[in-house]
Amino acid sequence: MRGGGVGSLMGFAGGCALAVTALPQDSVACIASVAFAAIAIGILGLVEDIRGLSVKTRLVLQFLVGASLLLSLSTTTEVGWVWFPLAILFFAANVNFTNFMDGINGISGLHGLVAGLAYAAFGVVEAMVWLIVVGLITAVVFAAFLPWNLVPPRMFLGDVGSYLLGGALGAMAISALIAGLNPVAALAPLSIYWVDTLTTLAGRIRRREPFLQAHCSHSYQRLTGAGVPHIAVASVVALFTLGASLVGFLAASGTLTVVLSLALILMLGLLYLGLPRLFSFRRPNSVPPAPSAIATPLDAEFVAKPSSDGRGFVRTPRQARGLDAT
């Protein structure tokens, strides 16, 4: 069943509401800002699941939610105006990148678990109670979804769940960075998702592939297409995210310099990108589909998602969105 992320959205909202009533006032403002942005973007994903929205409408609304996050943070923390365009673009990008990466069973649940715990750990280092709380809420919410999304897969996050995850993590990264968290630490838990997506987009631009053409060129898609099971690929992505997060933790604690931390994360990213070459064999039933015309640019990411049962790549946009059986 698609749209299982509604439960995650309700759990996240409930956890944040409880935290707001129980924590000191100095932590409430940041929790409320992050929660509002994540919940609002999750609701946008729910609308997309139910009735669909144009790419332009989605992007405009994502930018508006990002802007509301910055405006909310500016009421309690001095935020330079130079932050606004950069943070708004970053927020929208992370929402979409997380959505693009939500293509196999378990990948988003594990990402939410690992990244949420990472931000909670950073909160411990910097004594940011709000970051500890929101990080733990995120980790628990997405860990709770894993049993429903693994073997056998009975439920899928849908856009509501992947938007919620991307919005929560993006809002935490922006808020923590503005609050003084080490920049490497703030971005480390998101780095593997960003490396995969940015290199995929760059490769398609370099090859002059039509943006509306279906593709399966994400590193995690290539691993799945090479015959590696969904749970194994999702675990590999989570392990690399954990590695990058550990580097971020060492940077936040002052153990590693910024330059060395960036170098280590870059090495992890390059190693991750090279994994598909280690699994270059292909099963007969894992041949990617022929390019097909689709409705919107963002749908191009979904059409090429591997099927939920690991039998191959989906053939239609409806199958990609979990609406039809493969």
Foldseek 3Di string as FASTA:
>chain_A
DEAPQVQLLVLLLVLLVVCLVPDDPVLNLLSVLLNQLLSQLLVVQVCCLPPRDAPVVNLVSLLVSQQSSVVSLCVPAPDDPVVNVVLSVLLSVLLLLLVLPQFEFPQLLLLQQLLLCLQLLLCVLVVNVNSVSSSVSSNVSSVVCRVCRPVVNNYGNGSSNSNSSSSNLSSSLSSVVSVPFDNLLSCQLVLLSCLQVVVQVVVCVVVVPPLQWADQRRLLSLQLQLPDHRVVSSVVSSVLSNVSSVLSSCVRNVNDPPVVSVVVNVVSNVVSSCVSVVSVHGDPQADFDGIDGDDHSSLSSQQQRAAHRSRYGHHDSCRSSVNDHD
